[in-house]
Amino acid sequence: MPYNPALPAAGAPLDSAVIRDQLQALFNLINNIVTLTSAQVDSTVTVGPATPASASVTVSGGVLHLSFELPVGADGLMGAPGPPFAQAVVDAVSTVDPFSPAQVFTGFDGTNVHFTFQIPRGMPGEVTNTDLSNAISNLQSNTSNNSNSVATLDTGMMDPDHETLRQKLNELIAALRR
């Protein structure tokens, strides 16, 4: 039985079955509440100017999915052409706190477009000398192993130029193996 806020009716004698059904229905509603973990916009579609805007929402696996249909606006009047500019100038680039949004501020002085950038810095971290040494050693041993399956050229060549090339190639293979 689904939950019915009109039960029990005002002035009606109390019936345990009605009360139990109402409590069970509330319990089921509470247990079926979905915990949202994230939200995402799945689509944004432009529709004709006479079509009303609409949005649809679904929940799947704790993710709120949004889809929008937005009408095209009427074309505006063409504005007067702006003044030409000679160059773009970067006035400043500064770092801001981690997780702050990156921002760009612009200005126009009549001739030049001016930019000021604010870029969030990365989270501070610490790498110990041991961690660095282990990473370098791991990198060296793994990249060195990549050449182990390449055989050297062991048969000598009669042409001196070819022989020199064979020796240099063997030298390179040996160096890659470390």
N, C-alpha and C. Protein backbone atom coordinates (compact mmCIF):
# COMPACT_ATOMS: atom_id res chain seq x y z
N MET A 1 0.85 -1.17 0.00
CA MET A 1 0.00 0.00 0.00
C MET A 1 0.90 1.23 0.00
N PRO A 2 0.69 2.19 -0.92
CA PRO A 2 1.50 3.41 -0.92
C PRO A 2 1.09 4.33 0.22
N TYR A 3 2.01 5.20 0.57
CA TYR A 3 1.73 6.16 1.65
C TYR A 3 0.60 7.09 1.22
N ASN A 4 -0.34 7.33 2.14
CA ASN A 4 -1.47 8.22 1.89
C ASN A 4 -1.55 9.19 3.06
N PRO A 5 -1.19 10.47 2.86
CA PRO A 5 -1.20 11.42 3.97
C PRO A 5 -2.60 11.69 4.52
N ALA A 6 -3.66 11.25 3.84
CA ALA A 6 -5.02 11.47 4.33
C ALA A 6 -5.45 10.39 5.32
N LEU A 7 -4.61 9.36 5.53
CA LEU A 7 -4.96 8.29 6.46
C LEU A 7 -4.12 8.37 7.71
N PRO A 8 -4.67 8.04 8.85
CA PRO A 8 -6.08 7.78 9.10
C PRO A 8 -6.88 9.09 9.02
N ALA A 9 -8.11 8.98 8.60
CA ALA A 9 -8.97 10.15 8.46
C ALA A 9 -9.24 10.76 9.83
N ALA A 10 -9.38 12.08 9.84
CA ALA A 10 -9.67 12.78 11.11
C ALA A 10 -10.96 12.24 11.69
N GLY A 11 -10.96 11.93 12.98
CA GLY A 11 -12.15 11.46 13.68
C GLY A 11 -12.44 10.00 13.49
N ALA A 12 -11.70 9.29 12.64
CA ALA A 12 -11.94 7.86 12.41
C ALA A 12 -11.35 7.08 13.56
N PRO A 13 -11.98 5.97 13.89
CA PRO A 13 -11.40 5.13 14.95
C PRO A 13 -10.03 4.59 14.47
N LEU A 14 -9.10 4.48 15.40
CA LEU A 14 -7.78 4.00 15.04
C LEU A 14 -7.83 2.53 14.69
N ASP A 15 -7.20 2.20 13.57
CA ASP A 15 -7.14 0.82 13.10
C ASP A 15 -5.66 0.48 12.97
N SER A 16 -5.19 -0.51 13.70
CA SER A 16 -3.76 -0.83 13.70
C SER A 16 -3.27 -1.21 12.32
N ALA A 17 -4.08 -1.84 11.50
CA ALA A 17 -3.65 -2.23 10.16
C ALA A 17 -3.38 -1.01 9.30
N VAL A 18 -4.22 0.03 9.40
CA VAL A 18 -4.03 1.27 8.63
C VAL A 18 -2.75 1.96 9.08
N ILE A 19 -2.56 2.07 10.40
CA ILE A 19 -1.36 2.72 10.95
C ILE A 19 -0.12 1.94 10.52
N ARG A 20 -0.15 0.58 10.62
CA ARG A 20 0.98 -0.25 10.25
C ARG A 20 1.30 -0.06 8.75
N ASP A 21 0.26 -0.05 7.90
CA ASP A 21 0.48 0.14 6.46
C ASP A 21 1.10 1.50 6.17
N GLN A 22 0.64 2.55 6.86
CA GLN A 22 1.18 3.89 6.65
C GLN A 22 2.65 3.94 7.09
N LEU A 23 2.97 3.35 8.25
CA LEU A 23 4.35 3.34 8.73
C LEU A 23 5.25 2.53 7.80
N GLN A 24 4.76 1.41 7.30
CA GLN A 24 5.54 0.60 6.37
C GLN A 24 5.79 1.36 5.07
N ALA A 25 4.77 2.07 4.59
CA ALA A 25 4.92 2.86 3.36
C ALA A 25 5.95 3.98 3.57
N LEU A 26 5.94 4.65 4.71
CA LEU A 26 6.95 5.68 5.01
C LEU A 26 8.34 5.06 5.11
N PHE A 27 8.43 3.91 5.75
CA PHE A 27 9.71 3.21 5.85
C PHE A 27 10.26 2.91 4.45
N ASN A 28 9.42 2.42 3.56
CA ASN A 28 9.85 2.10 2.20
C ASN A 28 10.31 3.36 1.45
N LEU A 29 9.59 4.46 1.63
CA LEU A 29 9.99 5.72 0.98
C LEU A 29 11.36 6.16 1.48
N ILE A 30 11.57 6.09 2.77
CA ILE A 30 12.86 6.52 3.34
C ILE A 30 13.99 5.62 2.85
N ASN A 31 13.77 4.32 2.79
CA ASN A 31 14.82 3.40 2.34
C ASN A 31 15.14 3.56 0.86
N ASN A 32 14.24 4.11 0.08
CA ASN A 32 14.47 4.27 -1.36
C ASN A 32 15.04 5.62 -1.74
N ILE A 33 15.38 6.42 -0.73
CA ILE A 33 16.01 7.71 -1.01
C ILE A 33 17.40 7.44 -1.56
N VAL A 34 17.72 8.04 -2.70
CA VAL A 34 19.01 7.85 -3.35
C VAL A 34 19.99 8.90 -2.85
N THR A 35 21.19 8.47 -2.50
CA THR A 35 22.25 9.41 -2.12
C THR A 35 23.00 9.80 -3.38
N LEU A 36 23.01 11.07 -3.69
CA LEU A 36 23.70 11.55 -4.89
C LEU A 36 25.18 11.73 -4.59
N THR A 37 26.01 11.24 -5.49
CA THR A 37 27.46 11.39 -5.33
C THR A 37 28.02 12.45 -6.27
N SER A 38 27.30 12.71 -7.37
CA SER A 38 27.77 13.74 -8.30
C SER A 38 26.64 14.11 -9.24
N ALA A 39 26.87 15.15 -10.00
CA ALA A 39 25.91 15.59 -11.01
C ALA A 39 26.67 15.87 -12.29
N GLN A 40 26.02 15.60 -13.41
CA GLN A 40 26.68 15.89 -14.68
C GLN A 40 25.64 16.32 -15.70
N VAL A 41 26.07 17.22 -16.58
CA VAL A 41 25.23 17.66 -17.69
C VAL A 41 25.53 16.74 -18.86
N ASP A 42 24.52 15.97 -19.28
CA ASP A 42 24.70 15.03 -20.38
C ASP A 42 24.56 15.71 -21.73
N SER A 43 23.68 16.69 -21.83
CA SER A 43 23.52 17.35 -23.12
C SER A 43 22.90 18.73 -22.95
N THR A 44 23.25 19.60 -23.86
CA THR A 44 22.63 20.91 -23.99
C THR A 44 22.38 21.10 -25.47
N VAL A 45 21.10 21.19 -25.83
CA VAL A 45 20.72 21.25 -27.23
C VAL A 45 20.03 22.57 -27.50
N THR A 46 20.35 23.18 -28.61
CA THR A 46 19.68 24.41 -29.03
C THR A 46 18.47 24.04 -29.87
N VAL A 47 17.32 24.61 -29.53
CA VAL A 47 16.08 24.36 -30.28
C VAL A 47 15.61 25.66 -30.90
N GLY A 48 14.58 25.58 -31.73
CA GLY A 48 14.07 26.76 -32.41
C GLY A 48 13.61 27.84 -31.45
N PRO A 49 13.53 29.11 -31.94
CA PRO A 49 13.19 30.23 -31.05
C PRO A 49 11.77 30.14 -30.48
N ALA A 50 10.86 29.44 -31.13
CA ALA A 50 9.49 29.35 -30.63
C ALA A 50 9.30 28.18 -29.66
N THR A 51 10.29 27.32 -29.53
CA THR A 51 10.20 26.16 -28.64
C THR A 51 10.55 26.58 -27.22
N PRO A 52 9.73 26.19 -26.25
CA PRO A 52 10.05 26.57 -24.87
C PRO A 52 11.28 25.81 -24.35
N ALA A 53 11.99 26.42 -23.44
CA ALA A 53 13.14 25.77 -22.82
C ALA A 53 12.65 24.60 -21.98
N SER A 54 13.46 23.55 -21.89
CA SER A 54 13.09 22.41 -21.06
C SER A 54 14.34 21.79 -20.47
N ALA A 55 14.13 21.06 -19.39
CA ALA A 55 15.22 20.34 -18.74
C ALA A 55 14.69 19.00 -18.28
N SER A 56 15.52 17.98 -18.36
CA SER A 56 15.13 16.68 -17.83
C SER A 56 16.20 16.23 -16.84
N VAL A 57 15.74 15.52 -15.83
CA VAL A 57 16.63 15.07 -14.76
C VAL A 57 16.37 13.59 -14.53
N THR A 58 17.44 12.81 -14.47
CA THR A 58 17.35 11.40 -14.10
C THR A 58 18.45 11.11 -13.08
N VAL A 59 18.26 10.06 -12.33
CA VAL A 59 19.27 9.62 -11.36
C VAL A 59 19.63 8.19 -11.71
N SER A 60 20.93 7.94 -11.84
CA SER A 60 21.40 6.60 -12.14
C SER A 60 22.65 6.33 -11.32
N GLY A 61 22.57 5.35 -10.43
CA GLY A 61 23.73 4.97 -9.63
C GLY A 61 24.28 6.11 -8.79
N GLY A 62 23.45 6.96 -8.26
CA GLY A 62 23.90 8.07 -7.42
C GLY A 62 24.37 9.28 -8.20
N VAL A 63 24.25 9.25 -9.54
CA VAL A 63 24.67 10.38 -10.36
C VAL A 63 23.42 11.07 -10.91
N LEU A 64 23.33 12.36 -10.69
CA LEU A 64 22.25 13.18 -11.19
C LEU A 64 22.59 13.57 -12.63
N HIS A 65 21.77 13.17 -13.60
CA HIS A 65 22.00 13.45 -15.01
C HIS A 65 21.04 14.55 -15.46
N LEU A 66 21.59 15.60 -16.07
CA LEU A 66 20.80 16.74 -16.52
C LEU A 66 20.92 16.87 -18.03
N SER A 67 19.79 17.16 -18.68
CA SER A 67 19.77 17.45 -20.11
C SER A 67 18.93 18.69 -20.32
N PHE A 68 19.42 19.60 -21.16
CA PHE A 68 18.75 20.88 -21.38
C PHE A 68 18.43 21.08 -22.84
N GLU A 69 17.30 21.73 -23.11
CA GLU A 69 16.95 22.21 -24.44
C GLU A 69 16.70 23.71 -24.29
N LEU A 70 17.49 24.51 -24.99
CA LEU A 70 17.42 25.96 -24.87
C LEU A 70 17.10 26.58 -26.22
N PRO A 71 16.09 27.48 -26.26
CA PRO A 71 15.74 28.09 -27.54
C PRO A 71 16.78 29.12 -27.99
N VAL A 72 16.90 29.26 -29.30
CA VAL A 72 17.77 30.26 -29.89
C VAL A 72 17.13 31.62 -29.65
N GLY A 73 17.92 32.58 -29.27
CA GLY A 73 17.41 33.94 -29.10
C GLY A 73 17.32 34.64 -30.44
N ALA A 74 16.59 35.75 -30.44
CA ALA A 74 16.45 36.53 -31.67
C ALA A 74 17.79 37.19 -31.99
N ASP A 75 18.04 37.37 -33.29
CA ASP A 75 19.26 38.05 -33.71
C ASP A 75 19.20 39.51 -33.29
N GLY A 76 20.29 40.01 -32.75
CA GLY A 76 20.36 41.41 -32.34
C GLY A 76 20.85 42.28 -33.48
N LEU A 77 20.83 43.57 -33.23
CA LEU A 77 21.31 44.53 -34.23
C LEU A 77 22.82 44.51 -34.25
N MET A 78 23.38 44.73 -35.39
CA MET A 78 24.83 44.77 -35.55
C MET A 78 25.35 46.05 -34.91
N GLY A 79 26.32 45.93 -34.06
CA GLY A 79 26.91 47.10 -33.42
C GLY A 79 27.92 47.78 -34.32
N ALA A 80 28.33 48.96 -33.89
CA ALA A 80 29.34 49.71 -34.64
C ALA A 80 30.68 48.99 -34.49
N PRO A 81 31.51 49.03 -35.51
CA PRO A 81 32.81 48.37 -35.40
C PRO A 81 33.65 49.03 -34.31
N GLY A 82 34.37 48.21 -33.59
CA GLY A 82 35.23 48.72 -32.54
C GLY A 82 36.52 49.27 -33.12
N PRO A 83 37.27 49.96 -32.29
CA PRO A 83 38.53 50.52 -32.77
C PRO A 83 39.55 49.40 -32.99
N PRO A 84 40.43 49.55 -33.95
CA PRO A 84 41.47 48.55 -34.14
C PRO A 84 42.47 48.62 -32.99
N PHE A 85 43.11 47.52 -32.71
CA PHE A 85 44.13 47.56 -31.67
C PHE A 85 45.46 47.12 -32.24
N ALA A 86 46.51 47.66 -31.64
CA ALA A 86 47.84 47.43 -32.16
C ALA A 86 48.41 46.10 -31.67
N GLN A 87 48.19 45.78 -30.39
CA GLN A 87 48.79 44.56 -29.88
C GLN A 87 48.10 44.14 -28.59
N ALA A 88 48.38 42.91 -28.20
CA ALA A 88 47.91 42.39 -26.92
C ALA A 88 49.08 42.45 -25.96
N VAL A 89 48.82 42.94 -24.74
CA VAL A 89 49.87 43.12 -23.75
C VAL A 89 49.51 42.31 -22.51
N VAL A 90 50.42 41.46 -22.04
CA VAL A 90 50.23 40.74 -20.79
C VAL A 90 50.83 41.62 -19.69
N ASP A 91 49.95 42.16 -18.84
CA ASP A 91 50.41 43.05 -17.77
C ASP A 91 50.94 42.28 -16.56
N ALA A 92 50.31 41.13 -16.25
CA ALA A 92 50.75 40.38 -15.08
C ALA A 92 50.26 38.95 -15.16
N VAL A 93 51.06 38.05 -14.56
CA VAL A 93 50.65 36.67 -14.36
C VAL A 93 50.98 36.38 -12.91
N SER A 94 49.96 36.00 -12.13
CA SER A 94 50.20 35.73 -10.71
C SER A 94 49.59 34.40 -10.33
N THR A 95 50.13 33.81 -9.25
CA THR A 95 49.57 32.56 -8.76
C THR A 95 48.62 32.87 -7.61
N VAL A 96 47.57 32.06 -7.52
CA VAL A 96 46.60 32.18 -6.44
C VAL A 96 46.55 30.84 -5.72
N ASP A 97 45.79 30.78 -4.65
CA ASP A 97 45.72 29.57 -3.83
C ASP A 97 45.26 28.36 -4.64
N PRO A 98 45.74 27.16 -4.26
CA PRO A 98 45.26 25.95 -4.94
C PRO A 98 43.75 25.87 -4.86
N PHE A 99 43.12 25.30 -5.85
CA PHE A 99 41.67 25.13 -5.97
C PHE A 99 40.93 26.43 -6.24
N SER A 100 41.61 27.57 -6.29
CA SER A 100 40.96 28.80 -6.72
C SER A 100 40.78 28.72 -8.23
N PRO A 101 39.74 29.36 -8.76
CA PRO A 101 39.57 29.29 -10.21
C PRO A 101 40.63 30.12 -10.94
N ALA A 102 41.06 29.64 -12.08
CA ALA A 102 41.94 30.44 -12.93
C ALA A 102 41.10 31.58 -13.50
N GLN A 103 41.70 32.77 -13.60
CA GLN A 103 40.96 33.92 -14.10
C GLN A 103 41.83 34.73 -15.05
N VAL A 104 41.15 35.38 -16.00
CA VAL A 104 41.82 36.28 -16.93
C VAL A 104 41.03 37.58 -16.92
N PHE A 105 41.73 38.68 -16.68
CA PHE A 105 41.11 40.00 -16.70
C PHE A 105 41.63 40.73 -17.92
N THR A 106 40.74 41.42 -18.61
CA THR A 106 41.13 42.13 -19.82
C THR A 106 40.74 43.59 -19.71
N GLY A 107 41.44 44.39 -20.42
CA GLY A 107 41.12 45.82 -20.52
C GLY A 107 41.59 46.35 -21.86
N PHE A 108 41.04 47.47 -22.25
CA PHE A 108 41.40 48.07 -23.54
C PHE A 108 41.65 49.55 -23.29
N ASP A 109 42.81 50.04 -23.67
CA ASP A 109 43.15 51.44 -23.43
C ASP A 109 42.97 52.32 -24.68
N GLY A 110 42.26 51.78 -25.67
CA GLY A 110 42.07 52.53 -26.90
C GLY A 110 42.99 52.08 -28.00
N THR A 111 44.10 51.48 -27.63
CA THR A 111 45.05 50.98 -28.62
C THR A 111 45.41 49.52 -28.37
N ASN A 112 45.69 49.17 -27.12
CA ASN A 112 46.17 47.84 -26.76
C ASN A 112 45.16 47.10 -25.89
N VAL A 113 45.08 45.80 -26.09
CA VAL A 113 44.30 44.94 -25.21
C VAL A 113 45.25 44.46 -24.12
N HIS A 114 44.85 44.64 -22.86
CA HIS A 114 45.69 44.28 -21.72
C HIS A 114 45.12 43.04 -21.03
N PHE A 115 46.00 42.09 -20.69
CA PHE A 115 45.60 40.86 -20.02
C PHE A 115 46.31 40.74 -18.68
N THR A 116 45.58 40.27 -17.67
CA THR A 116 46.15 39.91 -16.38
C THR A 116 45.65 38.51 -16.05
N PHE A 117 46.57 37.58 -15.81
CA PHE A 117 46.21 36.18 -15.56
C PHE A 117 46.42 35.85 -14.09
N GLN A 118 45.49 35.08 -13.53
CA GLN A 118 45.64 34.51 -12.19
C GLN A 118 45.50 33.00 -12.34
N ILE A 119 46.56 32.28 -11.98
CA ILE A 119 46.61 30.84 -12.18
C ILE A 119 46.84 30.17 -10.83
N PRO A 120 45.99 29.18 -10.47
CA PRO A 120 46.19 28.52 -9.17
C PRO A 120 47.47 27.69 -9.15
N ARG A 121 48.19 27.78 -8.06
CA ARG A 121 49.41 26.99 -7.93
C ARG A 121 49.01 25.58 -7.49
N GLY A 122 49.90 24.63 -7.76
CA GLY A 122 49.64 23.24 -7.40
C GLY A 122 49.73 23.04 -5.90
N MET A 123 49.22 21.90 -5.47
CA MET A 123 49.29 21.57 -4.05
C MET A 123 50.73 21.28 -3.68
N PRO A 124 51.16 21.78 -2.53
CA PRO A 124 52.53 21.50 -2.13
C PRO A 124 52.69 20.03 -1.80
N GLY A 125 53.84 19.52 -2.10
CA GLY A 125 54.12 18.12 -1.79
C GLY A 125 55.59 17.99 -1.46
N GLU A 126 55.96 16.87 -0.90
CA GLU A 126 57.35 16.69 -0.54
C GLU A 126 57.81 15.35 -1.07
N VAL A 127 58.95 15.36 -1.71
CA VAL A 127 59.57 14.14 -2.21
C VAL A 127 60.88 13.99 -1.46
N THR A 128 61.04 12.86 -0.83
CA THR A 128 62.28 12.62 -0.09
C THR A 128 63.36 12.19 -1.08
N ASN A 129 64.60 12.30 -0.64
CA ASN A 129 65.73 11.85 -1.47
C ASN A 129 65.61 10.36 -1.76
N THR A 130 65.12 9.60 -0.80
CA THR A 130 64.95 8.15 -0.99
C THR A 130 63.91 7.89 -2.08
N ASP A 131 62.77 8.61 -2.01
CA ASP A 131 61.73 8.44 -3.03
C ASP A 131 62.27 8.79 -4.41
N LEU A 132 63.02 9.89 -4.49
CA LEU A 132 63.58 10.32 -5.77
C LEU A 132 64.57 9.30 -6.30
N SER A 133 65.45 8.82 -5.45
CA SER A 133 66.46 7.82 -5.87
C SER A 133 65.78 6.54 -6.33
N ASN A 134 64.76 6.09 -5.60
CA ASN A 134 64.03 4.87 -5.99
C ASN A 134 63.34 5.06 -7.34
N ALA A 135 62.74 6.22 -7.55
CA ALA A 135 62.04 6.47 -8.81
C ALA A 135 63.03 6.48 -9.98
N ILE A 136 64.19 7.12 -9.79
CA ILE A 136 65.19 7.16 -10.85
C ILE A 136 65.73 5.76 -11.12
N SER A 137 66.01 5.00 -10.06
CA SER A 137 66.52 3.64 -10.23
C SER A 137 65.50 2.77 -10.95
N ASN A 138 64.24 2.89 -10.57
CA ASN A 138 63.18 2.12 -11.21
C ASN A 138 63.06 2.49 -12.68
N LEU A 139 63.13 3.77 -12.97
CA LEU A 139 63.04 4.25 -14.34
C LEU A 139 64.21 3.70 -15.17
N GLN A 140 65.41 3.76 -14.59
CA GLN A 140 66.58 3.29 -15.32
C GLN A 140 66.51 1.79 -15.58
N SER A 141 66.11 1.02 -14.58
CA SER A 141 66.08 -0.44 -14.78
C SER A 141 64.97 -0.83 -15.73
N ASN A 142 63.83 -0.16 -15.69
CA ASN A 142 62.73 -0.51 -16.59
C ASN A 142 63.02 -0.11 -18.03
N THR A 143 63.60 1.07 -18.23
CA THR A 143 63.88 1.47 -19.60
C THR A 143 65.04 0.69 -20.17
N SER A 144 65.99 0.30 -19.34
CA SER A 144 67.11 -0.50 -19.80
C SER A 144 66.63 -1.86 -20.28
N ASN A 145 65.65 -2.44 -19.60
CA ASN A 145 65.14 -3.76 -19.97
C ASN A 145 64.47 -3.74 -21.34
N ASN A 146 64.05 -2.58 -21.80
CA ASN A 146 63.38 -2.51 -23.10
C ASN A 146 64.30 -2.95 -24.24
N SER A 147 65.60 -2.81 -24.08
CA SER A 147 66.53 -3.15 -25.17
C SER A 147 67.10 -4.56 -25.05
N ASN A 148 66.75 -5.30 -24.00
CA ASN A 148 67.35 -6.62 -23.79
C ASN A 148 67.00 -7.62 -24.88
N SER A 149 65.88 -7.43 -25.56
CA SER A 149 65.49 -8.40 -26.59
C SER A 149 66.11 -8.07 -27.95
N VAL A 150 66.87 -6.98 -28.04
CA VAL A 150 67.50 -6.61 -29.31
C VAL A 150 68.87 -7.28 -29.37
N ALA A 151 69.07 -8.12 -30.36
CA ALA A 151 70.34 -8.86 -30.50
C ALA A 151 71.39 -7.98 -31.16
N THR A 152 72.62 -8.21 -30.78
CA THR A 152 73.72 -7.51 -31.43
C THR A 152 74.01 -8.19 -32.77
N LEU A 153 74.70 -7.46 -33.63
CA LEU A 153 75.10 -8.00 -34.93
C LEU A 153 76.49 -8.62 -34.76
N ASP A 154 76.56 -9.95 -34.71
CA ASP A 154 77.80 -10.62 -34.37
C ASP A 154 78.65 -11.01 -35.58
N THR A 155 78.09 -11.04 -36.76
CA THR A 155 78.84 -11.43 -37.95
C THR A 155 79.54 -10.21 -38.53
N GLY A 156 80.86 -10.31 -38.65
CA GLY A 156 81.62 -9.20 -39.22
C GLY A 156 81.28 -8.99 -40.70
N MET A 157 81.56 -7.77 -41.19
CA MET A 157 81.25 -7.44 -42.58
C MET A 157 82.53 -7.12 -43.33
N MET A 158 82.55 -7.44 -44.60
CA MET A 158 83.72 -7.23 -45.44
C MET A 158 83.95 -5.77 -45.75
N ASP A 159 82.88 -5.06 -46.05
CA ASP A 159 82.99 -3.64 -46.40
C ASP A 159 83.35 -2.86 -45.13
N PRO A 160 84.44 -2.06 -45.13
CA PRO A 160 84.87 -1.35 -43.93
C PRO A 160 83.81 -0.37 -43.42
N ASP A 161 83.10 0.28 -44.32
CA ASP A 161 82.05 1.21 -43.88
C ASP A 161 80.92 0.45 -43.18
N HIS A 162 80.53 -0.68 -43.75
CA HIS A 162 79.49 -1.49 -43.12
C HIS A 162 79.95 -2.03 -41.78
N GLU A 163 81.21 -2.43 -41.70
CA GLU A 163 81.76 -2.95 -40.45
C GLU A 163 81.76 -1.87 -39.38
N THR A 164 82.12 -0.64 -39.73
CA THR A 164 82.11 0.47 -38.78
C THR A 164 80.69 0.72 -38.29
N LEU A 165 79.74 0.68 -39.20
CA LEU A 165 78.33 0.86 -38.85
C LEU A 165 77.86 -0.27 -37.92
N ARG A 166 78.24 -1.52 -38.20
CA ARG A 166 77.87 -2.66 -37.34
C ARG A 166 78.43 -2.49 -35.94
N GLN A 167 79.68 -2.05 -35.82
CA GLN A 167 80.30 -1.86 -34.51
C GLN A 167 79.60 -0.75 -33.71
N LYS A 168 79.26 0.32 -34.40
CA LYS A 168 78.57 1.43 -33.73
C LYS A 168 77.17 1.00 -33.26
N LEU A 169 76.49 0.23 -34.07
CA LEU A 169 75.18 -0.27 -33.70
C LEU A 169 75.28 -1.17 -32.47
N ASN A 170 76.27 -2.07 -32.45
CA ASN A 170 76.49 -2.93 -31.28
C ASN A 170 76.83 -2.10 -30.04
N GLU A 171 77.61 -1.05 -30.23
CA GLU A 171 77.97 -0.15 -29.13
C GLU A 171 76.71 0.50 -28.56
N LEU A 172 75.79 0.93 -29.44
CA LEU A 172 74.54 1.55 -29.00
C LEU A 172 73.68 0.56 -28.23
N ILE A 173 73.56 -0.67 -28.74
CA ILE A 173 72.76 -1.69 -28.06
C ILE A 173 73.33 -1.97 -26.68
N ALA A 174 74.65 -2.07 -26.56
CA ALA A 174 75.30 -2.33 -25.26
C ALA A 174 75.05 -1.15 -24.31
N ALA A 175 75.10 0.07 -24.80
CA ALA A 175 74.88 1.24 -23.95
C ALA A 175 73.43 1.29 -23.45
N LEU A 176 72.50 0.89 -24.29
CA LEU A 176 71.10 0.90 -23.88
C LEU A 176 70.82 -0.11 -22.78
N ARG A 177 71.58 -1.18 -22.74
CA ARG A 177 71.38 -2.21 -21.72
C ARG A 177 71.94 -1.83 -20.37
N ARG A 178 72.86 -0.91 -20.32
CA ARG A 178 73.50 -0.45 -19.08
C ARG A 178 73.96 -1.61 -18.25
